[in-house]
Amino acid sequence: MANTISETELAALLTETGHKHHQAYAESDGADPEWALWYAGYIQAKLWDGAGRLPGQSELIYLLVKADREFTASGDDGPWPRYYARLLLEALA
């Protein structure tokens, strides 16, 4: 099934998610060891089937953590949302 959300749109959703998460965890300056769980719930509620299929929460958590680890290891200094969006869309295609 083809993606109906673009990489740019998903990157924007990831940016929005990051801002919302930081607001929710403002008292801890955004620190949250379970951040991927929070992100997955927020993204899942907004994304629905825009990625071509609706991923389960556990799959989305896995993909977010994988994207985070790969981005950190890559040394990429570009925007993280774009990197994550590309990985997520490739995995969900």
PDB file of N, CA and C in Angstrom:
ATOM      1  N   MET A   1       0.844  -1.169   0.000  1.00  0.00           N
ATOM      2  CA  MET A   1       0.000   0.000   0.000  1.00  0.00           C
ATOM      3  C   MET A   1       0.896   1.241   0.000  1.00  0.00           C
ATOM      4  N   ALA A   2       0.597   2.214  -0.808  1.00  0.00           N
ATOM      5  CA  ALA A   2       1.420   3.408  -0.944  1.00  0.00           C
ATOM      6  C   ALA A   2       1.225   4.358   0.231  1.00  0.00           C
ATOM      7  N   ASN A   3       2.294   5.084   0.547  1.00  0.00           N
ATOM      8  CA  ASN A   3       2.213   6.111   1.581  1.00  0.00           C
ATOM      9  C   ASN A   3       1.346   7.255   1.086  1.00  0.00           C
ATOM     10  N   THR A   4       0.506   7.771   1.963  1.00  0.00           N
ATOM     11  CA  THR A   4      -0.286   8.946   1.621  1.00  0.00           C
ATOM     12  C   THR A   4       0.211  10.171   2.376  1.00  0.00           C
ATOM     13  N   ILE A   5       1.226   9.996   3.194  1.00  0.00           N
ATOM     14  CA  ILE A   5       1.859  11.109   3.889  1.00  0.00           C
ATOM     15  C   ILE A   5       3.277  11.224   3.348  1.00  0.00           C
ATOM     16  N   SER A   6       3.698  12.433   3.080  1.00  0.00           N
ATOM     17  CA  SER A   6       5.038  12.633   2.535  1.00  0.00           C
ATOM     18  C   SER A   6       6.070  12.644   3.665  1.00  0.00           C
ATOM     19  N   GLU A   7       7.314  12.508   3.277  1.00  0.00           N
ATOM     20  CA  GLU A   7       8.398  12.574   4.256  1.00  0.00           C
ATOM     21  C   GLU A   7       8.382  13.929   4.964  1.00  0.00           C
ATOM     22  N   THR A   8       8.124  14.987   4.203  1.00  0.00           N
ATOM     23  CA  THR A   8       8.073  16.339   4.769  1.00  0.00           C
ATOM     24  C   THR A   8       6.934  16.459   5.781  1.00  0.00           C
ATOM     25  N   GLU A   9       5.762  15.916   5.447  1.00  0.00           N
ATOM     26  CA  GLU A   9       4.618  15.964   6.362  1.00  0.00           C
ATOM     27  C   GLU A   9       4.880  15.153   7.628  1.00  0.00           C
ATOM     28  N   LEU A  10       5.494  13.981   7.474  1.00  0.00           N
ATOM     29  CA  LEU A  10       5.791  13.161   8.644  1.00  0.00           C
ATOM     30  C   LEU A  10       6.868  13.822   9.496  1.00  0.00           C
ATOM     31  N   ALA A  11       7.858  14.438   8.869  1.00  0.00           N
ATOM     32  CA  ALA A  11       8.888  15.165   9.621  1.00  0.00           C
ATOM     33  C   ALA A  11       8.253  16.301  10.421  1.00  0.00           C
ATOM     34  N   ALA A  12       7.285  16.989   9.821  1.00  0.00           N
ATOM     35  CA  ALA A  12       6.576  18.066  10.534  1.00  0.00           C
ATOM     36  C   ALA A  12       5.794  17.500  11.719  1.00  0.00           C
ATOM     37  N   LEU A  13       5.170  16.338  11.537  1.00  0.00           N
ATOM     38  CA  LEU A  13       4.446  15.691  12.637  1.00  0.00           C
ATOM     39  C   LEU A  13       5.411  15.296  13.751  1.00  0.00           C
ATOM     40  N   LEU A  14       6.587  14.801  13.391  1.00  0.00           N
ATOM     41  CA  LEU A  14       7.590  14.446  14.396  1.00  0.00           C
ATOM     42  C   LEU A  14       8.060  15.688  15.148  1.00  0.00           C
ATOM     43  N   THR A  15       8.237  16.799  14.453  1.00  0.00           N
ATOM     44  CA  THR A  15       8.627  18.053  15.098  1.00  0.00           C
ATOM     45  C   THR A  15       7.543  18.502  16.076  1.00  0.00           C
ATOM     46  N   GLU A  16       6.293  18.459  15.628  1.00  0.00           N
ATOM     47  CA  GLU A  16       5.156  18.809  16.487  1.00  0.00           C
ATOM     48  C   GLU A  16       5.119  17.904  17.717  1.00  0.00           C
ATOM     49  N   THR A  17       5.330  16.613  17.503  1.00  0.00           N
ATOM     50  CA  THR A  17       5.323  15.645  18.594  1.00  0.00           C
ATOM     51  C   THR A  17       6.406  15.983  19.610  1.00  0.00           C
ATOM     52  N   GLY A  18       7.587  16.328  19.111  1.00  0.00           N
ATOM     53  CA  GLY A  18       8.684  16.703  20.000  1.00  0.00           C
ATOM     54  C   GLY A  18       8.343  17.916  20.848  1.00  0.00           C
ATOM     55  N   HIS A  19       7.716  18.913  20.236  1.00  0.00           N
ATOM     56  CA  HIS A  19       7.315  20.113  20.981  1.00  0.00           C
ATOM     57  C   HIS A  19       6.258  19.776  22.030  1.00  0.00           C
ATOM     58  N   LYS A  20       5.267  18.984  21.647  1.00  0.00           N
ATOM     59  CA  LYS A  20       4.202  18.602  22.584  1.00  0.00           C
ATOM     60  C   LYS A  20       4.764  17.787  23.744  1.00  0.00           C
ATOM     61  N   HIS A  21       5.696  16.891  23.431  1.00  0.00           N
ATOM     62  CA  HIS A  21       6.310  16.065  24.470  1.00  0.00           C
ATOM     63  C   HIS A  21       7.091  16.955  25.436  1.00  0.00           C
ATOM     64  N   HIS A  22       7.846  17.884  24.889  1.00  0.00           N
ATOM     65  CA  HIS A  22       8.630  18.770  25.750  1.00  0.00           C
ATOM     66  C   HIS A  22       7.710  19.589  26.660  1.00  0.00           C
ATOM     67  N   GLN A  23       6.575  20.045  26.116  1.00  0.00           N
ATOM     68  CA  GLN A  23       5.605  20.779  26.937  1.00  0.00           C
ATOM     69  C   GLN A  23       5.047  19.897  28.046  1.00  0.00           C
ATOM     70  N   ALA A  24       4.735  18.657  27.714  1.00  0.00           N
ATOM     71  CA  ALA A  24       4.169  17.735  28.704  1.00  0.00           C
ATOM     72  C   ALA A  24       5.176  17.403  29.804  1.00  0.00           C
ATOM     73  N   TYR A  25       6.455  17.448  29.458  1.00  0.00           N
ATOM     74  CA  TYR A  25       7.508  17.104  30.414  1.00  0.00           C
ATOM     75  C   TYR A  25       8.378  18.317  30.734  1.00  0.00           C
ATOM     76  N   ALA A  26       7.773  19.498  30.739  1.00  0.00           N
ATOM     77  CA  ALA A  26       8.508  20.744  30.968  1.00  0.00           C
ATOM     78  C   ALA A  26       9.216  20.761  32.318  1.00  0.00           C
ATOM     79  N   GLU A  27       8.588  20.195  33.329  1.00  0.00           N
ATOM     80  CA  GLU A  27       9.198  20.209  34.652  1.00  0.00           C
ATOM     81  C   GLU A  27      10.509  19.440  34.701  1.00  0.00           C
ATOM     82  N   SER A  28      10.667  18.457  33.812  1.00  0.00           N
ATOM     83  CA  SER A  28      11.911  17.688  33.771  1.00  0.00           C
ATOM     84  C   SER A  28      12.758  18.080  32.564  1.00  0.00           C
ATOM     85  N   ASP A  29      12.458  19.250  31.973  1.00  0.00           N
ATOM     86  CA  ASP A  29      13.157  19.755  30.789  1.00  0.00           C
ATOM     87  C   ASP A  29      13.094  18.757  29.642  1.00  0.00           C
ATOM     88  N   GLY A  30      11.971  18.055  29.552  1.00  0.00           N
ATOM     89  CA  GLY A  30      11.755  17.118  28.454  1.00  0.00           C
ATOM     90  C   GLY A  30      12.324  15.730  28.697  1.00  0.00           C
ATOM     91  N   ALA A  31      12.998  15.533  29.811  1.00  0.00           N
ATOM     92  CA  ALA A  31      13.595  14.230  30.101  1.00  0.00           C
ATOM     93  C   ALA A  31      12.505  13.197  30.356  1.00  0.00           C
ATOM     94  N   ASP A  32      12.554  12.109  29.621  1.00  0.00           N
ATOM     95  CA  ASP A  32      11.560  11.047  29.755  1.00  0.00           C
ATOM     96  C   ASP A  32      12.165   9.766  29.210  1.00  0.00           C
ATOM     97  N   PRO A  33      12.515   8.814  30.078  1.00  0.00           N
ATOM     98  CA  PRO A  33      13.118   7.577  29.589  1.00  0.00           C
ATOM     99  C   PRO A  33      12.168   6.755  28.707  1.00  0.00           C
ATOM    100  N   GLU A  34      10.878   7.019  28.804  1.00  0.00           N
ATOM    101  CA  GLU A  34       9.887   6.310  27.989  1.00  0.00           C
ATOM    102  C   GLU A  34       9.353   7.197  26.870  1.00  0.00           C
ATOM    103  N   TRP A  35      10.198   8.083  26.356  1.00  0.00           N
ATOM    104  CA  TRP A  35       9.775   9.045  25.339  1.00  0.00           C
ATOM    105  C   TRP A  35       9.142   8.375  24.123  1.00  0.00           C
ATOM    106  N   ALA A  36       9.683   7.243  23.700  1.00  0.00           N
ATOM    107  CA  ALA A  36       9.176   6.581  22.486  1.00  0.00           C
ATOM    108  C   ALA A  36       7.731   6.125  22.668  1.00  0.00           C
ATOM    109  N   LEU A  37       7.378   5.726  23.863  1.00  0.00           N
ATOM    110  CA  LEU A  37       5.997   5.332  24.157  1.00  0.00           C
ATOM    111  C   LEU A  37       5.062   6.535  23.999  1.00  0.00           C
ATOM    112  N   TRP A  38       5.466   7.668  24.538  1.00  0.00           N
ATOM    113  CA  TRP A  38       4.658   8.898  24.426  1.00  0.00           C
ATOM    114  C   TRP A  38       4.547   9.322  22.964  1.00  0.00           C
ATOM    115  N   TYR A  39       5.683   9.342  22.262  1.00  0.00           N
ATOM    116  CA  TYR A  39       5.694   9.721  20.841  1.00  0.00           C
ATOM    117  C   TYR A  39       4.786   8.801  20.031  1.00  0.00           C
ATOM    118  N   ALA A  40       4.885   7.490  20.285  1.00  0.00           N
ATOM    119  CA  ALA A  40       4.095   6.522  19.511  1.00  0.00           C
ATOM    120  C   ALA A  40       2.607   6.777  19.664  1.00  0.00           C
ATOM    121  N   GLY A  41       2.157   7.024  20.886  1.00  0.00           N
ATOM    122  CA  GLY A  41       0.743   7.297  21.108  1.00  0.00           C
ATOM    123  C   GLY A  41       0.290   8.558  20.408  1.00  0.00           C
ATOM    124  N   TYR A  42       1.087   9.602  20.485  1.00  0.00           N
ATOM    125  CA  TYR A  42       0.735  10.877  19.859  1.00  0.00           C
ATOM    126  C   TYR A  42       0.719  10.745  18.339  1.00  0.00           C
ATOM    127  N   ILE A  43       1.764  10.147  17.794  1.00  0.00           N
ATOM    128  CA  ILE A  43       1.865   9.984  16.338  1.00  0.00           C
ATOM    129  C   ILE A  43       0.755   9.088  15.823  1.00  0.00           C
ATOM    130  N   GLN A  44       0.504   8.003  16.515  1.00  0.00           N
ATOM    131  CA  GLN A  44      -0.528   7.062  16.086  1.00  0.00           C
ATOM    132  C   GLN A  44      -1.893   7.746  16.029  1.00  0.00           C
ATOM    133  N   ALA A  45      -2.184   8.581  16.990  1.00  0.00           N
ATOM    134  CA  ALA A  45      -3.462   9.294  17.012  1.00  0.00           C
ATOM    135  C   ALA A  45      -3.582  10.273  15.845  1.00  0.00           C
ATOM    136  N   LYS A  46      -2.472  10.854  15.432  1.00  0.00           N
ATOM    137  CA  LYS A  46      -2.479  11.839  14.345  1.00  0.00           C
ATOM    138  C   LYS A  46      -2.324  11.201  12.967  1.00  0.00           C
ATOM    139  N   LEU A  47      -1.562  10.120  12.891  1.00  0.00           N
ATOM    140  CA  LEU A  47      -1.179   9.529  11.610  1.00  0.00           C
ATOM    141  C   LEU A  47      -2.270   8.681  10.982  1.00  0.00           C
ATOM    142  N   TRP A  48      -2.943   7.890  11.813  1.00  0.00           N
ATOM    143  CA  TRP A  48      -3.905   6.906  11.326  1.00  0.00           C
ATOM    144  C   TRP A  48      -3.290   6.098  10.210  1.00  0.00           C
ATOM    145  N   ASP A  49      -3.855   6.087   9.013  1.00  0.00           N
ATOM    146  CA  ASP A  49      -3.291   5.248   7.953  1.00  0.00           C
ATOM    147  C   ASP A  49      -2.552   6.086   6.909  1.00  0.00           C
ATOM    148  N   GLY A  50      -2.107   7.268   7.259  1.00  0.00           N
ATOM    149  CA  GLY A  50      -1.397   8.129   6.325  1.00  0.00           C
ATOM    150  C   GLY A  50      -0.066   7.569   5.864  1.00  0.00           C
ATOM    151  N   ALA A  51       0.468   6.596   6.580  1.00  0.00           N
ATOM    152  CA  ALA A  51       1.734   5.993   6.191  1.00  0.00           C
ATOM    153  C   ALA A  51       1.521   4.787   5.278  1.00  0.00           C
ATOM    154  N   GLY A  52       0.293   4.530   4.891  1.00  0.00           N
ATOM    155  CA  GLY A  52      -0.006   3.386   4.046  1.00  0.00           C
ATOM    156  C   GLY A  52      -0.656   2.271   4.836  1.00  0.00           C
ATOM    157  N   ARG A  53      -0.331   2.198   6.110  1.00  0.00           N
ATOM    158  CA  ARG A  53      -0.971   1.253   7.021  1.00  0.00           C
ATOM    159  C   ARG A  53      -0.757   1.782   8.429  1.00  0.00           C
ATOM    160  N   LEU A  54      -1.641   1.462   9.314  1.00  0.00           N
ATOM    161  CA  LEU A  54      -1.530   1.931  10.688  1.00  0.00           C
ATOM    162  C   LEU A  54      -0.655   0.961  11.469  1.00  0.00           C
ATOM    163  N   PRO A  55       0.533   1.409  11.876  1.00  0.00           N
ATOM    164  CA  PRO A  55       1.401   0.511  12.648  1.00  0.00           C
ATOM    165  C   PRO A  55       0.879   0.358  14.066  1.00  0.00           C
ATOM    166  N   GLY A  56       1.138  -0.794  14.649  1.00  0.00           N
ATOM    167  CA  GLY A  56       0.820  -0.998  16.053  1.00  0.00           C
ATOM    168  C   GLY A  56       1.735  -0.153  16.914  1.00  0.00           C
ATOM    169  N   GLN A  57       1.304   0.116  18.135  1.00  0.00           N
ATOM    170  CA  GLN A  57       2.092   0.972  19.008  1.00  0.00           C
ATOM    171  C   GLN A  57       3.475   0.372  19.282  1.00  0.00           C
ATOM    172  N   SER A  58       3.545  -0.927  19.498  1.00  0.00           N
ATOM    173  CA  SER A  58       4.847  -1.540  19.788  1.00  0.00           C
ATOM    174  C   SER A  58       5.776  -1.451  18.581  1.00  0.00           C
ATOM    175  N   GLU A  59       5.234  -1.597  17.367  1.00  0.00           N
ATOM    176  CA  GLU A  59       6.064  -1.461  16.171  1.00  0.00           C
ATOM    177  C   GLU A  59       6.564  -0.023  16.034  1.00  0.00           C
ATOM    178  N   LEU A  60       5.706   0.922  16.290  1.00  0.00           N
ATOM    179  CA  LEU A  60       6.082   2.324  16.187  1.00  0.00           C
ATOM    180  C   LEU A  60       7.141   2.676  17.231  1.00  0.00           C
ATOM    181  N   ILE A  61       7.003   2.169  18.431  1.00  0.00           N
ATOM    182  CA  ILE A  61       8.014   2.390  19.472  1.00  0.00           C
ATOM    183  C   ILE A  61       9.353   1.828  19.014  1.00  0.00           C
ATOM    184  N   TYR A  62       9.343   0.604  18.504  1.00  0.00           N
ATOM    185  CA  TYR A  62      10.568  -0.019  18.007  1.00  0.00           C
ATOM    186  C   TYR A  62      11.223   0.847  16.924  1.00  0.00           C
ATOM    187  N   LEU A  63      10.417   1.304  15.969  1.00  0.00           N
ATOM    188  CA  LEU A  63      10.957   2.100  14.862  1.00  0.00           C
ATOM    189  C   LEU A  63      11.501   3.443  15.337  1.00  0.00           C
ATOM    190  N   LEU A  64      10.844   4.059  16.308  1.00  0.00           N
ATOM    191  CA  LEU A  64      11.328   5.325  16.847  1.00  0.00           C
ATOM    192  C   LEU A  64      12.663   5.144  17.569  1.00  0.00           C
ATOM    193  N   VAL A  65      12.761   4.110  18.387  1.00  0.00           N
ATOM    194  CA  VAL A  65      14.010   3.846  19.109  1.00  0.00           C
ATOM    195  C   VAL A  65      15.110   3.504  18.108  1.00  0.00           C
ATOM    196  N   LYS A  66      14.786   2.712  17.100  1.00  0.00           N
ATOM    197  CA  LYS A  66      15.763   2.366  16.064  1.00  0.00           C
ATOM    198  C   LYS A  66      16.240   3.621  15.331  1.00  0.00           C
ATOM    199  N   ALA A  67      15.310   4.493  14.980  1.00  0.00           N
ATOM    200  CA  ALA A  67      15.668   5.738  14.298  1.00  0.00           C
ATOM    201  C   ALA A  67      16.568   6.592  15.179  1.00  0.00           C
ATOM    202  N   ASP A  68      16.247   6.673  16.461  1.00  0.00           N
ATOM    203  CA  ASP A  68      17.048   7.458  17.397  1.00  0.00           C
ATOM    204  C   ASP A  68      18.469   6.915  17.487  1.00  0.00           C
ATOM    205  N   ARG A  69      18.587   5.613  17.621  1.00  0.00           N
ATOM    206  CA  ARG A  69      19.920   4.994  17.728  1.00  0.00           C
ATOM    207  C   ARG A  69      20.725   5.175  16.450  1.00  0.00           C
ATOM    208  N   GLU A  70      20.078   4.965  15.301  1.00  0.00           N
ATOM    209  CA  GLU A  70      20.774   5.111  14.027  1.00  0.00           C
ATOM    210  C   GLU A  70      21.181   6.563  13.784  1.00  0.00           C
ATOM    211  N   PHE A  71      20.290   7.493  14.118  1.00  0.00           N
ATOM    212  CA  PHE A  71      20.600   8.908  13.927  1.00  0.00           C
ATOM    213  C   PHE A  71      21.786   9.309  14.798  1.00  0.00           C
ATOM    214  N   THR A  72      21.770   8.892  16.057  1.00  0.00           N
ATOM    215  CA  THR A  72      22.860   9.212  16.975  1.00  0.00           C
ATOM    216  C   THR A  72      24.178   8.612  16.491  1.00  0.00           C
ATOM    217  N   ALA A  73      24.147   7.358  16.062  1.00  0.00           N
ATOM    218  CA  ALA A  73      25.356   6.682  15.597  1.00  0.00           C
ATOM    219  C   ALA A  73      25.884   7.258  14.283  1.00  0.00           C
ATOM    220  N   SER A  74      24.996   7.813  13.471  1.00  0.00           N
ATOM    221  CA  SER A  74      25.405   8.308  12.149  1.00  0.00           C
ATOM    222  C   SER A  74      26.227   9.583  12.227  1.00  0.00           C
ATOM    223  N   GLY A  75      26.068  10.339  13.301  1.00  0.00           N
ATOM    224  CA  GLY A  75      26.750  11.621  13.398  1.00  0.00           C
ATOM    225  C   GLY A  75      26.146  12.674  12.479  1.00  0.00           C
ATOM    226  N   ASP A  76      24.995  12.357  11.896  1.00  0.00           N
ATOM    227  CA  ASP A  76      24.289  13.272  11.004  1.00  0.00           C
ATOM    228  C   ASP A  76      23.951  14.546  11.778  1.00  0.00           C
ATOM    229  N   ASP A  77      24.285  15.695  11.208  1.00  0.00           N
ATOM    230  CA  ASP A  77      23.967  16.946  11.894  1.00  0.00           C
ATOM    231  C   ASP A  77      22.742  17.633  11.288  1.00  0.00           C
ATOM    232  N   GLY A  78      22.036  16.910  10.422  1.00  0.00           N
ATOM    233  CA  GLY A  78      20.799  17.429   9.845  1.00  0.00           C
ATOM    234  C   GLY A  78      19.668  17.316  10.840  1.00  0.00           C
ATOM    235  N   PRO A  79      18.492  17.768  10.453  1.00  0.00           N
ATOM    236  CA  PRO A  79      17.350  17.706  11.376  1.00  0.00           C
ATOM    237  C   PRO A  79      16.897  16.266  11.628  1.00  0.00           C
ATOM    238  N   TRP A  80      16.768  15.914  12.904  1.00  0.00           N
ATOM    239  CA  TRP A  80      16.377  14.545  13.259  1.00  0.00           C
ATOM    240  C   TRP A  80      15.001  14.161  12.715  1.00  0.00           C
ATOM    241  N   PRO A  81      14.005  15.075  12.679  1.00  0.00           N
ATOM    242  CA  PRO A  81      12.686  14.647  12.197  1.00  0.00           C
ATOM    243  C   PRO A  81      12.713  14.114  10.768  1.00  0.00           C
ATOM    244  N   ARG A  82      13.499  14.712   9.918  1.00  0.00           N
ATOM    245  CA  ARG A  82      13.593  14.261   8.519  1.00  0.00           C
ATOM    246  C   ARG A  82      14.195  12.853   8.471  1.00  0.00           C
ATOM    247  N   TYR A  83      15.237  12.627   9.242  1.00  0.00           N
ATOM    248  CA  TYR A  83      15.894  11.318   9.300  1.00  0.00           C
ATOM    249  C   TYR A  83      14.907  10.252   9.787  1.00  0.00           C
ATOM    250  N   TYR A  84      14.210  10.535  10.891  1.00  0.00           N
ATOM    251  CA  TYR A  84      13.244   9.597  11.446  1.00  0.00           C
ATOM    252  C   TYR A  84      12.115   9.323  10.449  1.00  0.00           C
ATOM    253  N   ALA A  85      11.623  10.385   9.813  1.00  0.00           N
ATOM    254  CA  ALA A  85      10.516  10.236   8.857  1.00  0.00           C
ATOM    255  C   ALA A  85      10.902   9.303   7.722  1.00  0.00           C
ATOM    256  N   ARG A  86      12.097   9.476   7.194  1.00  0.00           N
ATOM    257  CA  ARG A  86      12.559   8.624   6.094  1.00  0.00           C
ATOM    258  C   ARG A  86      12.600   7.164   6.541  1.00  0.00           C
ATOM    259  N   LEU A  87      13.175   6.908   7.727  1.00  0.00           N
ATOM    260  CA  LEU A  87      13.264   5.543   8.229  1.00  0.00           C
ATOM    261  C   LEU A  87      11.879   4.945   8.464  1.00  0.00           C
ATOM    262  N   LEU A  88      10.982   5.728   9.083  1.00  0.00           N
ATOM    263  CA  LEU A  88       9.640   5.230   9.374  1.00  0.00           C
ATOM    264  C   LEU A  88       8.887   4.886   8.091  1.00  0.00           C
ATOM    265  N   LEU A  89       8.938   5.768   7.108  1.00  0.00           N
ATOM    266  CA  LEU A  89       8.207   5.514   5.859  1.00  0.00           C
ATOM    267  C   LEU A  89       8.773   4.323   5.113  1.00  0.00           C
ATOM    268  N   GLU A  90      10.094   4.162   5.139  1.00  0.00           N
ATOM    269  CA  GLU A  90      10.698   2.984   4.486  1.00  0.00           C
ATOM    270  C   GLU A  90      10.225   1.705   5.170  1.00  0.00           C
ATOM    271  N   ALA A  91      10.197   1.710   6.490  1.00  0.00           N
ATOM    272  CA  ALA A  91       9.787   0.516   7.236  1.00  0.00           C
ATOM    273  C   ALA A  91       8.321   0.197   7.078  1.00  0.00           C
ATOM    274  N   LEU A  92       7.491   1.221   6.888  1.00  0.00           N
ATOM    275  CA  LEU A  92       6.047   1.013   6.807  1.00  0.00           C
ATOM    276  C   LEU A  92       5.546   0.844   5.379  1.00  0.00           C
ATOM    277  N   ALA A  93       6.447   0.961   4.410  1.00  0.00           N
ATOM    278  CA  ALA A  93       6.040   0.842   2.998  1.00  0.00           C
ATOM    279  C   ALA A  93       5.661  -0.595   2.656  1.00  0.00           C
TER     280      ALA A  93
END
